[in-house]
C-alpha cells in the first residue's frame, strides 16, 4: 500500500527533474518558450478571436475581412494546428481556397504549414518523446535503418499525401534525430502539392460543384486506401520504419 502511494510522488519527481533538465540549455529553453507561446496563441485564437473552427467557410471569410491582419491570423492558425494539435486545418485550407483563390490561399497555406512543421520538428528533437506524448497522446518513431535519404522520401510522401497527420510526422522526425536539412527540404517539397491541391479543391467548389466533389472524393479515397495498404500489405516497407506508440 505504501509502495503504491509513493509511485505518483516518484512520477511527479521525475517530471520535475525532466523539466529542470529542459531549462538547463538555451536550445531547450527556446523550444519550451516556443511551445508555451503556441499554446497561448491557440488559446487566444480559439476563445478570444471570435473564430469558429466548426464553420470553416465562415471562419475563412472572417479572416479575409481583416486584411493583412487576417493573413497573419490564418498563418498562425495553421502553425498552431501542427504544434498543438489536433486542430482540423484541412477544412479551413479548403475554405481559404474558395475565399482567396487557389494561388493566394496556397501560398499562405504553405507558409503556415511549413513553419508549424519546422516548429514541431524542433520541439520534438529538443524536448523529446515525453513532451510530445503529453501533447498528442501518442508519438511516432522513425527507424534510420534504411538511411536518411529514405526518411527524407518518407517525409515527402507523408506530407504530399497526408495519410499520417503532419504533427505526428514532424514530431516523429525530430524525436528520431532525422537530419534537419533533409527534413526541411523534404517537408517543403511535400507540403506544396498537398496544400495547393486542397486550395484548388476549394476554388473548384465555388466554380463547379461537380469538380469540387470529384476532388474531395479522390482525396478521401487516398486517405482511406493508403493506411489500409500500409497496414495489410506493408507498402514501401513502411511498417518496418514507422512505429506509433
C-alpha atoms as a PDB file:
ATOM      1  CA  UNK A   1       0.000   0.000   0.000  1.00  0.00           C
ATOM      2  CA  UNK A   2       2.784   2.397   0.919  1.00  0.00           C
ATOM      3  CA  UNK A   3       4.621   1.474  -2.242  1.00  0.00           C
ATOM      4  CA  UNK A   4       1.563   2.222  -4.426  1.00  0.00           C
ATOM      5  CA  UNK A   5       1.154   5.622  -2.747  1.00  0.00           C
ATOM      6  CA  UNK A   6       4.781   6.508  -3.387  1.00  0.00           C
ATOM      7  CA  UNK A   7       4.552   5.862  -7.134  1.00  0.00           C
ATOM      8  CA  UNK A   8       2.657   9.085  -8.002  1.00  0.00           C
ATOM      9  CA  UNK A   9       5.205  11.046  -5.975  1.00  0.00           C
ATOM     10  CA  UNK A  10       8.049   9.365  -7.847  1.00  0.00           C
ATOM     11  CA  UNK A  11       6.422  10.169 -11.197  1.00  0.00           C
ATOM     12  CA  UNK A  12       5.957  13.805 -10.216  1.00  0.00           C
ATOM     13  CA  UNK A  13       9.570  13.940  -9.081  1.00  0.00           C
ATOM     14  CA  UNK A  14      10.778  12.508 -12.381  1.00  0.00           C
ATOM     15  CA  UNK A  15       8.621  15.023 -14.277  1.00  0.00           C
ATOM     16  CA  UNK A  16      10.114  17.888 -12.296  1.00  0.00           C
ATOM     17  CA  UNK A  17      13.607  16.550 -12.930  1.00  0.00           C
ATOM     18  CA  UNK A  18      12.935  16.392 -16.695  1.00  0.00           C
ATOM     19  CA  UNK A  19      11.562  19.936 -16.625  1.00  0.00           C
ATOM     20  CA  UNK A  20      14.642  21.107 -14.739  1.00  0.00           C
ATOM     21  CA  UNK A  21      16.893  19.466 -17.316  1.00  0.00           C
ATOM     22  CA  UNK A  22      14.885  21.089 -20.126  1.00  0.00           C
ATOM     23  CA  UNK A  23      15.657  24.521 -18.697  1.00  0.00           C
ATOM     24  CA  UNK A  24      19.403  23.948 -18.476  1.00  0.00           C
ATOM     25  CA  UNK A  25      20.320  24.759 -22.098  1.00  0.00           C
ATOM     26  CA  UNK A  26      19.343  27.746 -24.283  1.00  0.00           C
ATOM     27  CA  UNK A  27      18.076  25.414 -27.021  1.00  0.00           C
ATOM     28  CA  UNK A  28      15.741  23.570 -24.672  1.00  0.00           C
ATOM     29  CA  UNK A  29      14.588  26.828 -23.125  1.00  0.00           C
ATOM     30  CA  UNK A  30      13.821  28.198 -26.607  1.00  0.00           C
ATOM     31  CA  UNK A  31      11.824  25.084 -27.521  1.00  0.00           C
ATOM     32  CA  UNK A  32       9.854  25.293 -24.279  1.00  0.00           C
ATOM     33  CA  UNK A  33       9.185  29.004 -24.838  1.00  0.00           C
ATOM     34  CA  UNK A  34       8.007  28.240 -28.395  1.00  0.00           C
ATOM     35  CA  UNK A  35       5.649  25.575 -27.111  1.00  0.00           C
ATOM     36  CA  UNK A  36       4.214  27.888 -24.435  1.00  0.00           C
ATOM     37  CA  UNK A  37       3.820  30.717 -26.970  1.00  0.00           C
ATOM     38  CA  UNK A  38       1.938  28.459 -29.405  1.00  0.00           C
ATOM     39  CA  UNK A  39      -0.285  27.222 -26.571  1.00  0.00           C
ATOM     40  CA  UNK A  40      -1.186  30.769 -25.538  1.00  0.00           C
ATOM     41  CA  UNK A  41      -1.736  31.767 -29.171  1.00  0.00           C
ATOM     42  CA  UNK A  42      -4.025  28.768 -29.659  1.00  0.00           C
ATOM     43  CA  UNK A  43      -5.989  29.739 -26.556  1.00  0.00           C
ATOM     44  CA  UNK A  44      -6.412  33.293 -27.858  1.00  0.00           C
ATOM     45  CA  UNK A  45      -7.369  32.273 -31.395  1.00  0.00           C
ATOM     46  CA  UNK A  46      -9.901  29.689 -30.259  1.00  0.00           C
ATOM     47  CA  UNK A  47     -11.503  31.620 -27.392  1.00  0.00           C
ATOM     48  CA  UNK A  48     -10.883  35.361 -27.811  1.00  0.00           C
ATOM     49  CA  UNK A  49     -10.622  35.928 -31.545  1.00  0.00           C
ATOM     50  CA  UNK A  50     -14.231  35.029 -32.330  1.00  0.00           C
ATOM     51  CA  UNK A  51     -13.300  32.351 -34.889  1.00  0.00           C
ATOM     52  CA  UNK A  52     -15.425  29.219 -35.094  1.00  0.00           C
ATOM     53  CA  UNK A  53     -13.380  26.299 -36.433  1.00  0.00           C
ATOM     54  CA  UNK A  54     -16.562  24.234 -36.784  1.00  0.00           C
ATOM     55  CA  UNK A  55     -17.612  26.595 -39.607  1.00  0.00           C
ATOM     56  CA  UNK A  56     -14.542  26.669 -41.919  1.00  0.00           C
ATOM     57  CA  UNK A  57     -16.066  28.808 -44.684  1.00  0.00           C
ATOM     58  CA  UNK A  58     -17.371  31.466 -42.302  1.00  0.00           C
ATOM     59  CA  UNK A  59     -14.030  31.389 -40.483  1.00  0.00           C
ATOM     60  CA  UNK A  60     -12.118  31.978 -43.729  1.00  0.00           C
ATOM     61  CA  UNK A  61     -14.443  34.845 -44.670  1.00  0.00           C
ATOM     62  CA  UNK A  62     -13.949  36.470 -41.254  1.00  0.00           C
ATOM     63  CA  UNK A  63     -10.170  36.161 -41.623  1.00  0.00           C
ATOM     64  CA  UNK A  64     -10.223  37.647 -45.144  1.00  0.00           C
ATOM     65  CA  UNK A  65     -12.237  40.646 -43.913  1.00  0.00           C
ATOM     66  CA  UNK A  66      -9.377  41.549 -41.538  1.00  0.00           C
ATOM     67  CA  UNK A  67      -6.949  42.291 -44.386  1.00  0.00           C
ATOM     68  CA  UNK A  68      -3.249  41.728 -43.695  1.00  0.00           C
ATOM     69  CA  UNK A  69      -4.029  41.032 -40.024  1.00  0.00           C
ATOM     70  CA  UNK A  70      -6.273  38.206 -41.202  1.00  0.00           C
ATOM     71  CA  UNK A  71      -3.394  36.752 -43.226  1.00  0.00           C
ATOM     72  CA  UNK A  72      -1.237  36.665 -40.080  1.00  0.00           C
ATOM     73  CA  UNK A  73      -4.087  35.065 -38.129  1.00  0.00           C
ATOM     74  CA  UNK A  74      -4.588  32.428 -40.829  1.00  0.00           C
ATOM     75  CA  UNK A  75      -0.884  31.553 -40.930  1.00  0.00           C
ATOM     76  CA  UNK A  76      -0.768  31.487 -37.115  1.00  0.00           C
ATOM     77  CA  UNK A  77      -3.793  29.187 -37.047  1.00  0.00           C
ATOM     78  CA  UNK A  78      -2.049  26.711 -39.354  1.00  0.00           C
ATOM     79  CA  UNK A  79       1.128  26.854 -37.249  1.00  0.00           C
ATOM     80  CA  UNK A  80      -0.692  26.018 -34.007  1.00  0.00           C
ATOM     81  CA  UNK A  81      -2.736  23.333 -35.787  1.00  0.00           C
ATOM     82  CA  UNK A  82       0.575  21.499 -36.286  1.00  0.00           C
ATOM     83  CA  UNK A  83       2.302  22.355 -33.000  1.00  0.00           C
ATOM     84  CA  UNK A  84      -0.623  21.931 -30.606  1.00  0.00           C
ATOM     85  CA  UNK A  85      -2.878  19.500 -32.488  1.00  0.00           C
ATOM     86  CA  UNK A  86      -5.286  18.037 -33.078  1.00  0.00           C
ATOM     87  CA  UNK A  87      -6.867  21.131 -34.642  1.00  0.00           C
ATOM     88  CA  UNK A  88      -8.507  20.470 -38.037  1.00  0.00           C
ATOM     89  CA  UNK A  89      -6.693  22.606 -40.600  1.00  0.00           C
ATOM     90  CA  UNK A  90      -7.767  20.781 -43.788  1.00  0.00           C
ATOM     91  CA  UNK A  91     -11.374  22.140 -43.949  1.00  0.00           C
ATOM     92  CA  UNK A  92     -10.117  25.679 -43.279  1.00  0.00           C
ATOM     93  CA  UNK A  93      -7.455  25.325 -46.009  1.00  0.00           C
ATOM     94  CA  UNK A  94     -10.114  24.200 -48.486  1.00  0.00           C
ATOM     95  CA  UNK A  95     -12.358  27.109 -47.462  1.00  0.00           C
ATOM     96  CA  UNK A  96      -9.423  29.521 -47.867  1.00  0.00           C
ATOM     97  CA  UNK A  97      -9.063  28.345 -51.472  1.00  0.00           C
ATOM     98  CA  UNK A  98     -12.696  29.242 -52.085  1.00  0.00           C
ATOM     99  CA  UNK A  99     -12.287  32.697 -50.486  1.00  0.00           C
ATOM    100  CA  UNK A 100      -8.806  33.850 -51.585  1.00  0.00           C
ATOM    101  CA  UNK A 101      -8.373  31.716 -54.680  1.00  0.00           C
ATOM    102  CA  UNK A 102      -6.076  28.686 -55.084  1.00  0.00           C
ATOM    103  CA  UNK A 103      -2.771  30.526 -55.606  1.00  0.00           C
ATOM    104  CA  UNK A 104      -3.021  33.144 -52.842  1.00  0.00           C
ATOM    105  CA  UNK A 105      -4.513  30.700 -50.331  1.00  0.00           C
ATOM    106  CA  UNK A 106      -1.935  28.113 -51.387  1.00  0.00           C
ATOM    107  CA  UNK A 107       0.993  30.431 -50.683  1.00  0.00           C
ATOM    108  CA  UNK A 108      -0.394  31.376 -47.254  1.00  0.00           C
ATOM    109  CA  UNK A 109      -1.121  27.716 -46.516  1.00  0.00           C
ATOM    110  CA  UNK A 110       2.361  26.518 -47.449  1.00  0.00           C
ATOM    111  CA  UNK A 111       3.938  29.190 -45.232  1.00  0.00           C
ATOM    112  CA  UNK A 112       1.760  28.281 -42.236  1.00  0.00           C
ATOM    113  CA  UNK A 113       2.029  24.500 -42.507  1.00  0.00           C
ATOM    114  CA  UNK A 114       5.761  24.631 -43.215  1.00  0.00           C
ATOM    115  CA  UNK A 115       6.525  26.906 -40.258  1.00  0.00           C
ATOM    116  CA  UNK A 116       4.373  24.740 -37.996  1.00  0.00           C
ATOM    117  CA  UNK A 117       6.116  21.577 -39.184  1.00  0.00           C
ATOM    118  CA  UNK A 118       9.562  23.080 -38.556  1.00  0.00           C
ATOM    119  CA  UNK A 119       8.488  24.198 -35.086  1.00  0.00           C
ATOM    120  CA  UNK A 120       7.149  20.715 -34.275  1.00  0.00           C
ATOM    121  CA  UNK A 121      10.390  19.124 -35.516  1.00  0.00           C
ATOM    122  CA  UNK A 122      12.448  21.469 -33.313  1.00  0.00           C
ATOM    123  CA  UNK A 123      10.297  20.843 -30.226  1.00  0.00           C
ATOM    124  CA  UNK A 124      10.339  17.072 -30.762  1.00  0.00           C
ATOM    125  CA  UNK A 125      14.098  16.958 -31.261  1.00  0.00           C
ATOM    126  CA  UNK A 126      14.812  19.230 -28.291  1.00  0.00           C
ATOM    127  CA  UNK A 127      12.248  18.314 -25.632  1.00  0.00           C
ATOM    128  CA  UNK A 128      11.797  14.662 -26.562  1.00  0.00           C
ATOM    129  CA  UNK A 129       9.205  11.940 -26.527  1.00  0.00           C
ATOM    130  CA  UNK A 130       7.529  12.542 -23.151  1.00  0.00           C
ATOM    131  CA  UNK A 131       6.558  16.116 -24.049  1.00  0.00           C
ATOM    132  CA  UNK A 132       5.188  15.048 -27.444  1.00  0.00           C
ATOM    133  CA  UNK A 133       3.163  12.248 -25.869  1.00  0.00           C
ATOM    134  CA  UNK A 134       1.729  14.717 -23.364  1.00  0.00           C
ATOM    135  CA  UNK A 135       0.697  16.979 -26.253  1.00  0.00           C
ATOM    136  CA  UNK A 136      -0.680  14.443 -28.731  1.00  0.00           C
ATOM    137  CA  UNK A 137      -1.407  11.409 -26.585  1.00  0.00           C
ATOM    138  CA  UNK A 138       0.947   9.298 -28.722  1.00  0.00           C
ATOM    139  CA  UNK A 139       4.260   9.503 -30.522  1.00  0.00           C
ATOM    140  CA  UNK A 140       5.688   8.223 -33.783  1.00  0.00           C
ATOM    141  CA  UNK A 141       9.227   6.996 -34.239  1.00  0.00           C
ATOM    142  CA  UNK A 142      11.182   6.595 -37.491  1.00  0.00           C
ATOM    143  CA  UNK A 143      13.862   3.929 -37.732  1.00  0.00           C
ATOM    144  CA  UNK A 144      17.018   5.081 -39.513  1.00  0.00           C
ATOM    145  CA  UNK A 145      17.977   1.568 -40.641  1.00  0.00           C
ATOM    146  CA  UNK A 146      17.349   2.476 -44.298  1.00  0.00           C
ATOM    147  CA  UNK A 147      19.262   5.727 -44.117  1.00  0.00           C
ATOM    148  CA  UNK A 148      18.492   9.432 -44.016  1.00  0.00           C
ATOM    149  CA  UNK A 149      17.629   9.687 -47.729  1.00  0.00           C
ATOM    150  CA  UNK A 150      14.885   7.089 -47.343  1.00  0.00           C
ATOM    151  CA  UNK A 151      13.497   9.001 -44.350  1.00  0.00           C
ATOM    152  CA  UNK A 152      13.528  12.145 -46.485  1.00  0.00           C
ATOM    153  CA  UNK A 153      11.407  10.418 -49.117  1.00  0.00           C
ATOM    154  CA  UNK A 154       9.138   9.154 -46.368  1.00  0.00           C
ATOM    155  CA  UNK A 155       8.580  12.684 -45.062  1.00  0.00           C
ATOM    156  CA  UNK A 156       7.925  13.905 -48.609  1.00  0.00           C
ATOM    157  CA  UNK A 157       5.304  11.218 -49.250  1.00  0.00           C
ATOM    158  CA  UNK A 158       3.562  11.615 -45.894  1.00  0.00           C
ATOM    159  CA  UNK A 159       3.350  15.389 -46.402  1.00  0.00           C
ATOM    160  CA  UNK A 160       2.229  15.320 -50.024  1.00  0.00           C
ATOM    161  CA  UNK A 161      -0.378  12.613 -49.277  1.00  0.00           C
ATOM    162  CA  UNK A 162      -1.032  13.071 -45.558  1.00  0.00           C
ATOM    163  CA  UNK A 163      -2.191   9.611 -44.527  1.00  0.00           C
ATOM    164  CA  UNK A 164      -0.291  10.388 -41.330  1.00  0.00           C
ATOM    165  CA  UNK A 165      -1.003  13.739 -39.634  1.00  0.00           C
ATOM    166  CA  UNK A 166       1.564  16.488 -40.193  1.00  0.00           C
ATOM    167  CA  UNK A 167       2.049  16.945 -36.457  1.00  0.00           C
ATOM    168  CA  UNK A 168       2.889  13.283 -35.811  1.00  0.00           C
ATOM    169  CA  UNK A 169       5.335  13.117 -38.733  1.00  0.00           C
ATOM    170  CA  UNK A 170       7.068  16.375 -37.783  1.00  0.00           C
ATOM    171  CA  UNK A 171       7.409  15.489 -34.122  1.00  0.00           C
ATOM    172  CA  UNK A 172       8.483  11.962 -35.044  1.00  0.00           C
ATOM    173  CA  UNK A 173      11.223  13.237 -37.343  1.00  0.00           C
ATOM    174  CA  UNK A 174      12.555  15.405 -34.519  1.00  0.00           C
ATOM    175  CA  UNK A 175      12.380  12.658 -31.901  1.00  0.00           C
ATOM    176  CA  UNK A 176      14.184  10.253 -34.257  1.00  0.00           C
ATOM    177  CA  UNK A 177      17.037  12.732 -34.760  1.00  0.00           C
ATOM    178  CA  UNK A 178      16.499  13.000 -38.503  1.00  0.00           C
ATOM    179  CA  UNK A 179      18.888  15.365 -40.297  1.00  0.00           C
ATOM    180  CA  UNK A 180      17.392  18.871 -40.286  1.00  0.00           C
ATOM    181  CA  UNK A 181      18.451  19.831 -43.860  1.00  0.00           C
ATOM    182  CA  UNK A 182      16.932  16.630 -45.270  1.00  0.00           C
ATOM    183  CA  UNK A 183      13.764  17.091 -43.226  1.00  0.00           C
ATOM    184  CA  UNK A 184      13.408  20.779 -44.141  1.00  0.00           C
ATOM    185  CA  UNK A 185      13.721  20.150 -47.893  1.00  0.00           C
ATOM    186  CA  UNK A 186      11.507  17.023 -47.911  1.00  0.00           C
ATOM    187  CA  UNK A 187       8.859  18.733 -45.797  1.00  0.00           C
ATOM    188  CA  UNK A 188       8.756  21.825 -48.017  1.00  0.00           C
ATOM    189  CA  UNK A 189       8.561  19.821 -51.249  1.00  0.00           C
ATOM    190  CA  UNK A 190       5.800  17.638 -49.805  1.00  0.00           C
ATOM    191  CA  UNK A 191       3.682  20.458 -48.379  1.00  0.00           C
ATOM    192  CA  UNK A 192       3.451  22.345 -51.688  1.00  0.00           C
ATOM    193  CA  UNK A 193       1.427  19.799 -53.769  1.00  0.00           C
ATOM    194  CA  UNK A 194      -0.846  18.884 -50.866  1.00  0.00           C
ATOM    195  CA  UNK A 195      -1.764  22.447 -49.887  1.00  0.00           C
ATOM    196  CA  UNK A 196      -2.281  23.606 -53.468  1.00  0.00           C
ATOM    197  CA  UNK A 197      -4.442  20.544 -54.127  1.00  0.00           C
ATOM    198  CA  UNK A 198      -6.635  21.496 -51.148  1.00  0.00           C
ATOM    199  CA  UNK A 199      -6.925  25.153 -52.186  1.00  0.00           C
ATOM    200  CA  UNK A 200      -7.720  24.141 -55.769  1.00  0.00           C
ATOM    201  CA  UNK A 201     -10.383  21.857 -54.339  1.00  0.00           C
ATOM    202  CA  UNK A 202     -11.909  24.812 -52.500  1.00  0.00           C
ATOM    203  CA  UNK A 203     -11.794  27.023 -55.598  1.00  0.00           C
ATOM    204  CA  UNK A 204     -13.391  24.254 -57.685  1.00  0.00           C
ATOM    205  CA  UNK A 205     -16.321  24.086 -55.282  1.00  0.00           C
ATOM    206  CA  UNK A 206     -17.165  27.718 -55.982  1.00  0.00           C
ATOM    207  CA  UNK A 207     -16.821  27.342 -59.748  1.00  0.00           C
ATOM    208  CA  UNK A 208     -18.479  23.977 -60.188  1.00  0.00           C
ATOM    209  CA  UNK A 209     -19.710  21.591 -57.546  1.00  0.00           C
ATOM    210  CA  UNK A 210     -19.128  18.547 -59.756  1.00  0.00           C
ATOM    211  CA  UNK A 211     -15.373  19.080 -59.995  1.00  0.00           C
ATOM    212  CA  UNK A 212     -15.124  20.018 -56.316  1.00  0.00           C
ATOM    213  CA  UNK A 213     -16.963  16.869 -55.222  1.00  0.00           C
ATOM    214  CA  UNK A 214     -14.758  14.757 -57.502  1.00  0.00           C
ATOM    215  CA  UNK A 215     -11.592  16.223 -55.941  1.00  0.00           C
ATOM    216  CA  UNK A 216     -12.946  15.620 -52.434  1.00  0.00           C
ATOM    217  CA  UNK A 217     -13.725  12.011 -53.400  1.00  0.00           C
ATOM    218  CA  UNK A 218     -10.185  11.476 -54.765  1.00  0.00           C
ATOM    219  CA  UNK A 219      -8.591  12.985 -51.667  1.00  0.00           C
ATOM    220  CA  UNK A 220     -10.819  10.951 -49.333  1.00  0.00           C
ATOM    221  CA  UNK A 221     -10.134   7.755 -51.263  1.00  0.00           C
ATOM    222  CA  UNK A 222      -6.374   8.279 -50.968  1.00  0.00           C
ATOM    223  CA  UNK A 223      -6.623   8.872 -47.228  1.00  0.00           C
ATOM    224  CA  UNK A 224      -8.667   5.683 -46.902  1.00  0.00           C
ATOM    225  CA  UNK A 225      -6.674   3.346 -49.141  1.00  0.00           C
ATOM    226  CA  UNK A 226      -3.126   4.330 -48.186  1.00  0.00           C
ATOM    227  CA  UNK A 227      -3.377   3.371 -44.481  1.00  0.00           C
ATOM    228  CA  UNK A 228      -5.075   0.090 -45.434  1.00  0.00           C
ATOM    229  CA  UNK A 229      -2.342  -0.722 -47.933  1.00  0.00           C
ATOM    230  CA  UNK A 230       0.369   0.048 -45.407  1.00  0.00           C
ATOM    231  CA  UNK A 231      -1.277  -1.949 -42.622  1.00  0.00           C
ATOM    232  CA  UNK A 232      -2.173  -5.023 -44.664  1.00  0.00           C
ATOM    233  CA  UNK A 233       0.471  -5.153 -47.383  1.00  0.00           C
ATOM    234  CA  UNK A 234       3.301  -3.090 -45.867  1.00  0.00           C
ATOM    235  CA  UNK A 235       3.577  -0.800 -48.903  1.00  0.00           C
ATOM    236  CA  UNK A 236       7.109   0.625 -49.331  1.00  0.00           C
ATOM    237  CA  UNK A 237       8.120  -1.292 -46.198  1.00  0.00           C
ATOM    238  CA  UNK A 238       6.722   1.486 -44.023  1.00  0.00           C
ATOM    239  CA  UNK A 239       5.740  -0.807 -41.156  1.00  0.00           C
ATOM    240  CA  UNK A 240       9.419  -1.667 -40.742  1.00  0.00           C
ATOM    241  CA  UNK A 241      10.344   2.009 -40.447  1.00  0.00           C
ATOM    242  CA  UNK A 242       7.389   3.686 -38.690  1.00  0.00           C
ATOM    243  CA  UNK A 243       6.358   2.834 -35.153  1.00  0.00           C
ATOM    244  CA  UNK A 244       3.441   4.574 -33.424  1.00  0.00           C
ATOM    245  CA  UNK A 245       3.469   4.355 -29.641  1.00  0.00           C
END
